[in-house]
Amino acid sequence: MASSTETVAAREHVAEAARRLAAQGLVVGTAGNVSERVNDHHVAISPTGATLEALTPEQVCVIDLDGELVGGELEPTSELTLHLGVYQRYDAGAVVHTHSPMATAVACSVDEVPVVHYHMLALGGSVQVAPYATFGTPELAELTLDALDGRSAALMANHGAIVYAADAPAAVESALLLEWACSVYWHASALGPPRVLDPEQQHAVVSAVLERGYGQVRPGAR
């Protein structure tokens, strides 16, 4: 199994991410799950039936990439197959699955959230909605993995949302961004058909970010 230092850190990250998601209103009670890759062989993942707002590192499970429990006393989340699929197909560092209110509402109504704001490019662009399938099934995992192709976020019809990132804190930020984007889209749609950024406009945003060094710290700055 992974070294104790790696494992302890990953379990702490998962527990902290779960509590932050709850504090931000993106998960309620036991509805949602978080995982973070420990190394090439193990994943720390929230347990089934756990109250996420009070999740502790000791409650977080550690599994191998075949889904076998190798650490912790609780069983992993029912969406285990989905999390493992993201790691295997997209080489993610962490995965967050929520039933956040606005993302879930939008996932009940549309097949895609178009790029209505340039911040959505941080998630890969438009957000696809995976067709409905029963929770915890291989079918749901496969449909959701397909919806993630070329993106780091997707919605799950009549179910919720999923994002992946380099680590659990970054995945929480992506989940918050996705919920915000769905809220913007919902409000814009209430006023009329939203204006959508076309490919040329999206490319211009990417070029501007690169040219201006947006988000980078100036050398020598403190």
Protein backbone atom coordinates (compact mmCIF):
# COMPACT_ATOMS: atom_id res chain seq x y z
CA MET A 1 0.00 0.00 0.00
CA ALA A 2 1.04 3.66 -0.40
CA SER A 3 3.36 5.19 2.14
CA SER A 4 1.66 6.52 5.25
CA THR A 5 2.59 10.13 4.39
CA GLU A 6 0.96 9.98 0.94
CA THR A 7 -2.11 8.21 2.25
CA VAL A 8 -2.64 10.50 5.23
CA ALA A 9 -2.34 13.58 3.01
CA ALA A 10 -4.82 12.26 0.43
CA ARG A 11 -7.36 11.26 3.09
CA GLU A 12 -7.08 14.72 4.64
CA HIS A 13 -7.58 16.36 1.24
CA VAL A 14 -10.70 14.29 0.51
CA ALA A 15 -12.24 15.01 3.92
CA GLU A 16 -11.49 18.73 3.66
CA ALA A 17 -12.90 18.87 0.13
CA ALA A 18 -16.11 17.13 1.23
CA ARG A 19 -16.60 19.57 4.09
CA ARG A 20 -15.97 22.57 1.84
CA LEU A 21 -18.45 21.31 -0.77
CA ALA A 22 -21.04 20.98 1.98
CA ALA A 23 -20.28 24.46 3.34
CA GLN A 24 -20.74 25.88 -0.16
CA GLY A 25 -24.08 24.10 -0.59
CA LEU A 26 -22.91 21.82 -3.39
CA VAL A 27 -23.60 18.63 -1.43
CA VAL A 28 -26.27 17.86 1.16
CA GLY A 29 -26.13 15.00 3.64
CA THR A 30 -24.70 11.91 1.96
CA ALA A 31 -25.42 13.01 -1.65
CA GLY A 32 -22.04 13.36 -3.37
CA ASN A 33 -18.55 11.90 -3.32
CA VAL A 34 -14.90 12.94 -3.56
CA SER A 35 -11.68 11.12 -4.35
CA GLU A 36 -8.00 11.90 -4.84
CA ARG A 37 -5.35 9.73 -6.39
CA VAL A 38 -2.60 8.76 -3.97
CA ASN A 39 -0.16 7.39 -6.55
CA ASP A 40 -0.21 5.03 -9.54
CA HIS A 41 -1.86 2.29 -7.50
CA HIS A 42 -4.19 3.78 -4.89
CA VAL A 43 -7.04 6.25 -4.48
CA ALA A 44 -8.48 7.89 -1.36
CA ILE A 45 -12.26 8.10 -1.68
CA SER A 46 -15.23 9.12 0.45
CA PRO A 47 -17.24 6.24 1.93
CA THR A 48 -20.82 5.32 1.15
CA GLY A 49 -23.45 6.79 3.43
CA ALA A 50 -21.13 9.31 5.07
CA THR A 51 -22.35 12.79 5.99
CA LEU A 52 -19.99 14.90 3.93
CA GLU A 53 -20.21 18.05 6.04
CA ALA A 54 -18.68 16.14 8.95
CA LEU A 55 -16.36 13.76 7.06
CA THR A 56 -13.09 13.00 8.86
CA PRO A 57 -9.85 11.71 7.32
CA GLU A 58 -10.24 8.48 9.31
CA GLN A 59 -13.54 7.78 7.54
CA VAL A 60 -12.01 8.13 4.07
CA CYS A 61 -11.38 4.81 2.31
CA VAL A 62 -8.28 3.83 0.40
CA ILE A 63 -8.75 1.54 -2.60
CA ASP A 64 -6.59 0.14 -5.36
CA LEU A 65 -7.37 0.78 -9.02
CA ASP A 66 -9.39 -2.45 -9.16
CA GLY A 67 -11.69 -1.05 -6.50
CA GLU A 68 -10.50 -3.30 -3.69
CA LEU A 69 -10.47 -1.77 -0.22
CA VAL A 70 -6.93 -1.57 1.15
CA GLY A 71 -7.37 1.04 3.88
CA GLY A 72 -10.13 2.26 6.18
CA GLU A 73 -13.03 0.49 7.82
CA LEU A 74 -15.94 1.76 5.70
CA GLU A 75 -17.07 0.75 2.22
CA PRO A 76 -16.34 3.19 -0.62
CA THR A 77 -19.01 5.27 -2.35
CA SER A 78 -21.55 3.61 -4.63
CA GLU A 79 -20.10 5.66 -7.53
CA LEU A 80 -16.80 3.81 -7.23
CA THR A 81 -16.91 2.62 -10.86
CA LEU A 82 -17.36 6.18 -12.09
CA HIS A 83 -14.39 7.51 -10.11
CA LEU A 84 -12.11 4.69 -11.22
CA GLY A 85 -13.19 5.20 -14.82
CA VAL A 86 -12.15 8.85 -14.71
CA TYR A 87 -8.72 7.92 -13.37
CA GLN A 88 -8.23 5.19 -15.94
CA ARG A 89 -9.43 7.13 -18.98
CA TYR A 90 -8.32 10.69 -18.19
CA ASP A 91 -5.38 10.28 -15.79
CA ALA A 92 -7.04 12.65 -13.31
CA GLY A 93 -5.62 13.64 -9.95
CA ALA A 94 -8.98 14.03 -8.17
CA VAL A 95 -12.71 13.67 -8.85
CA VAL A 96 -15.72 15.46 -7.36
CA HIS A 97 -19.32 14.35 -7.95
CA THR A 98 -22.13 16.53 -6.58
CA HIS A 99 -25.88 16.93 -6.68
CA SER A 100 -25.46 20.71 -6.57
CA PRO A 101 -28.81 22.50 -7.02
CA MET A 102 -28.29 24.58 -10.16
CA ALA A 103 -26.19 22.02 -12.04
CA THR A 104 -28.71 19.30 -11.22
CA ALA A 105 -31.64 21.48 -12.29
CA VAL A 106 -29.98 22.28 -15.61
CA ALA A 107 -29.14 18.59 -16.07
CA CYS A 108 -32.87 17.87 -15.86
CA SER A 109 -33.64 20.18 -18.77
CA VAL A 110 -30.93 20.42 -21.45
CA ASP A 111 -28.43 18.27 -23.36
CA GLU A 112 -25.61 20.81 -23.28
CA VAL A 113 -24.62 24.01 -21.53
CA PRO A 114 -23.05 26.19 -24.25
CA VAL A 115 -20.19 28.60 -23.65
CA VAL A 116 -22.13 31.60 -22.36
CA HIS A 117 -19.13 32.95 -20.43
CA TYR A 118 -15.43 32.69 -21.17
CA HIS A 119 -14.67 31.28 -17.71
CA MET A 120 -16.23 28.03 -18.93
CA LEU A 121 -13.15 27.51 -21.09
CA ALA A 122 -11.34 26.54 -17.87
CA LEU A 123 -13.60 23.45 -17.86
CA GLY A 124 -12.94 22.69 -21.51
CA GLY A 125 -15.76 24.72 -23.08
CA SER A 126 -19.37 23.67 -23.43
CA VAL A 127 -20.60 21.18 -20.83
CA GLN A 128 -22.22 17.99 -22.10
CA VAL A 129 -25.08 16.24 -20.31
CA ALA A 130 -24.71 12.46 -20.08
CA PRO A 131 -27.94 10.51 -20.71
CA TYR A 132 -29.72 9.20 -17.63
CA ALA A 133 -28.82 5.83 -16.12
CA THR A 134 -29.29 4.37 -12.64
CA PHE A 135 -26.76 5.59 -10.07
CA GLY A 136 -23.81 3.35 -9.29
CA THR A 137 -24.09 1.33 -12.52
CA PRO A 138 -21.42 0.63 -15.15
CA GLU A 139 -23.81 2.12 -17.72
CA LEU A 140 -23.88 5.46 -15.89
CA ALA A 141 -20.11 5.45 -15.57
CA GLU A 142 -19.62 4.81 -19.30
CA LEU A 143 -22.11 7.47 -20.39
CA THR A 144 -20.56 10.03 -18.05
CA LEU A 145 -17.02 9.23 -19.15
CA ASP A 146 -18.07 9.81 -22.76
CA ALA A 147 -19.59 13.19 -21.80
CA LEU A 148 -16.24 14.18 -20.26
CA ASP A 149 -14.34 13.62 -23.50
CA GLY A 150 -12.28 16.75 -24.19
CA ARG A 151 -13.50 18.43 -21.00
CA SER A 152 -12.97 18.32 -17.25
CA ALA A 153 -16.65 18.74 -16.33
CA ALA A 154 -19.95 17.15 -17.28
CA LEU A 155 -23.54 16.99 -16.11
CA MET A 156 -25.49 13.79 -15.53
CA ALA A 157 -29.12 13.89 -16.65
CA ASN A 158 -31.60 14.03 -13.75
CA HIS A 159 -28.73 13.31 -11.36
CA GLY A 160 -25.93 15.81 -10.83
CA ALA A 161 -22.48 16.96 -11.90
CA ILE A 162 -18.91 15.69 -12.09
CA VAL A 163 -15.54 17.38 -12.45
CA TYR A 164 -11.93 16.27 -12.29
CA ALA A 165 -8.69 18.17 -11.67
CA ALA A 166 -5.09 17.79 -10.53
CA ASP A 167 -6.00 17.43 -6.84
CA ALA A 168 -8.99 17.63 -4.52
CA PRO A 169 -8.76 21.39 -3.76
CA ALA A 170 -8.62 22.15 -7.49
CA ALA A 171 -11.54 19.81 -8.15
CA VAL A 172 -13.63 21.71 -5.58
CA GLU A 173 -12.83 24.96 -7.40
CA SER A 174 -13.95 23.36 -10.68
CA ALA A 175 -17.19 22.18 -9.06
CA LEU A 176 -17.85 25.71 -7.83
CA LEU A 177 -17.13 27.11 -11.29
CA LEU A 178 -19.48 24.59 -12.90
CA GLU A 179 -22.28 25.48 -10.49
CA TRP A 180 -21.72 29.19 -11.19
CA ALA A 181 -21.76 28.60 -14.97
CA CYS A 182 -25.01 26.65 -14.72
CA SER A 183 -26.50 29.49 -12.66
CA VAL A 184 -25.45 32.09 -15.25
CA TYR A 185 -26.91 29.96 -18.03
CA TRP A 186 -30.19 29.47 -16.13
CA HIS A 187 -30.61 33.18 -15.42
CA ALA A 188 -29.69 34.16 -18.98
CA SER A 189 -32.17 31.63 -20.39
CA ALA A 190 -34.93 33.13 -18.27
CA LEU A 191 -34.39 36.46 -20.05
CA GLY A 192 -34.27 34.99 -23.54
CA PRO A 193 -32.01 32.82 -25.74
CA PRO A 194 -28.48 33.36 -24.34
CA ARG A 195 -25.72 34.71 -26.55
CA VAL A 196 -23.08 32.00 -27.02
CA LEU A 197 -19.38 32.58 -27.64
CA ASP A 198 -18.44 31.19 -31.04
CA PRO A 199 -15.17 29.30 -31.71
CA GLU A 200 -13.39 32.46 -32.89
CA GLN A 201 -14.34 34.33 -29.72
CA GLN A 202 -13.27 31.39 -27.58
CA HIS A 203 -9.91 31.21 -29.35
CA ALA A 204 -9.41 34.94 -28.76
CA VAL A 205 -9.90 34.40 -25.03
CA VAL A 206 -7.29 31.65 -24.95
CA SER A 207 -4.85 33.84 -26.90
CA ALA A 208 -5.44 36.76 -24.54
CA VAL A 209 -4.77 34.60 -21.49
CA LEU A 210 -1.49 33.37 -22.97
CA GLU A 211 -0.35 36.80 -24.19
CA ARG A 212 -1.14 38.61 -20.94
CA GLY A 213 0.03 35.89 -18.56
CA TYR A 214 -3.35 36.03 -16.83
CA GLY A 215 -3.23 34.52 -13.34
CA GLN A 216 0.56 34.31 -13.23
CA VAL A 217 2.68 35.93 -10.55
CA ARG A 218 5.13 38.56 -11.79
CA PRO A 219 8.74 37.44 -11.34
CA GLY A 220 10.15 38.92 -8.16
CA ALA A 221 6.72 39.75 -6.77
CA ARG A 222 5.87 38.81 -3.18
